[in-house]
Amino acid sequence: MSTNKFPEELKSIFEEYAAKEGDPNQLSKEELKLLIETEFPSLLKGPSTLDDLFQELDRNGDGEVSFEEFQVLVKKISQ
């Protein structure tokens, strides 16, 4: 998957995974893992683990990743 997706496409990808369980506007750690393994598999090949990534993205510490927090990841990988 190219990281040059349009915001609408990113939003629909985010929503597809976020709707799998719990809050449809938030990604749980499991949903984030599934999204990354499916859409951005090269992300988990480096030294950072899913736990590190989740902790970095979950800025407000609520245990879930919002779309705004997810966009930080997208910006990071598209540089």
Protein backbone atom coordinates (compact mmCIF):
# COMPACT_ATOMS: atom_id res chain seq x y z
CA MET A 1 0.00 0.00 0.00
CA SER A 2 1.30 3.41 -0.86
CA THR A 3 1.54 5.93 1.93
CA ASN A 4 0.34 8.57 -0.52
CA LYS A 5 -3.29 7.72 0.18
CA PHE A 6 -5.80 10.52 0.20
CA PRO A 7 -7.22 11.50 3.60
CA GLU A 8 -10.62 10.04 2.65
CA GLU A 9 -9.03 6.68 1.88
CA LEU A 10 -7.09 6.73 5.14
CA LYS A 11 -10.26 7.57 7.03
CA SER A 12 -12.13 4.67 5.43
CA ILE A 13 -9.25 2.27 6.17
CA PHE A 14 -9.16 3.52 9.77
CA GLU A 15 -12.94 3.13 10.13
CA GLU A 16 -12.91 -0.36 8.62
CA TYR A 17 -10.51 -1.59 11.30
CA ALA A 18 -11.88 0.53 14.16
CA ALA A 19 -15.38 -0.91 13.62
CA LYS A 20 -14.20 -4.47 14.26
CA GLU A 21 -14.70 -4.21 18.04
CA GLY A 22 -15.59 -1.67 20.71
CA ASP A 23 -15.66 2.02 19.80
CA PRO A 24 -15.99 2.48 16.01
CA ASN A 25 -14.05 5.76 16.25
CA GLN A 26 -11.04 4.31 18.06
CA LEU A 27 -8.50 1.60 17.28
CA SER A 28 -7.76 -0.88 20.04
CA LYS A 29 -4.26 -2.33 20.15
CA GLU A 30 -5.53 -5.48 18.38
CA GLU A 31 -7.24 -3.43 15.66
CA LEU A 32 -4.10 -1.32 15.18
CA LYS A 33 -2.01 -4.48 14.93
CA LEU A 34 -4.33 -5.92 12.28
CA LEU A 35 -4.36 -2.65 10.33
CA ILE A 36 -0.57 -2.37 10.36
CA GLU A 37 0.02 -6.04 9.51
CA THR A 38 -2.41 -5.78 6.60
CA GLU A 39 -1.86 -2.25 5.26
CA PHE A 40 1.67 -1.28 6.39
CA PRO A 41 3.53 -4.60 6.94
CA SER A 42 6.98 -3.03 6.55
CA LEU A 43 6.37 -0.90 9.65
CA LEU A 44 6.86 -3.78 12.05
CA LYS A 45 10.09 -4.96 10.45
CA GLY A 46 12.21 -2.37 12.24
CA PRO A 47 13.34 -2.24 15.83
CA SER A 48 10.10 -0.72 17.09
CA THR A 49 7.48 -3.14 18.30
CA LEU A 50 3.72 -2.81 18.17
CA ASP A 51 3.74 -1.93 21.87
CA ASP A 52 6.21 0.92 21.28
CA LEU A 53 4.20 2.16 18.34
CA PHE A 54 0.90 1.96 20.20
CA GLN A 55 2.33 3.82 23.18
CA GLU A 56 3.72 6.52 20.89
CA LEU A 57 0.40 6.94 19.05
CA ASP A 58 -1.87 6.84 22.11
CA ARG A 59 -1.04 10.43 23.04
CA ASN A 60 -3.86 10.86 25.56
CA GLY A 61 -3.21 7.51 27.23
CA ASP A 62 -6.79 6.21 26.91
CA GLY A 63 -5.67 2.81 25.62
CA GLU A 64 -7.01 3.43 22.13
CA VAL A 65 -5.85 5.30 19.03
CA SER A 66 -8.14 7.96 17.55
CA PHE A 67 -8.05 8.96 13.89
CA GLU A 68 -6.12 12.11 14.85
CA GLU A 69 -3.53 9.98 16.65
CA PHE A 70 -3.44 7.56 13.70
CA GLN A 71 -2.64 10.45 11.35
CA VAL A 72 0.62 11.00 13.29
CA LEU A 73 1.67 7.50 12.18
CA VAL A 74 0.71 8.18 8.59
CA LYS A 75 2.71 11.43 8.53
CA LYS A 76 5.68 9.66 10.09
CA ILE A 77 5.78 6.86 7.52
CA SER A 78 5.15 9.11 4.53
CA GLN A 79 8.24 11.24 5.13
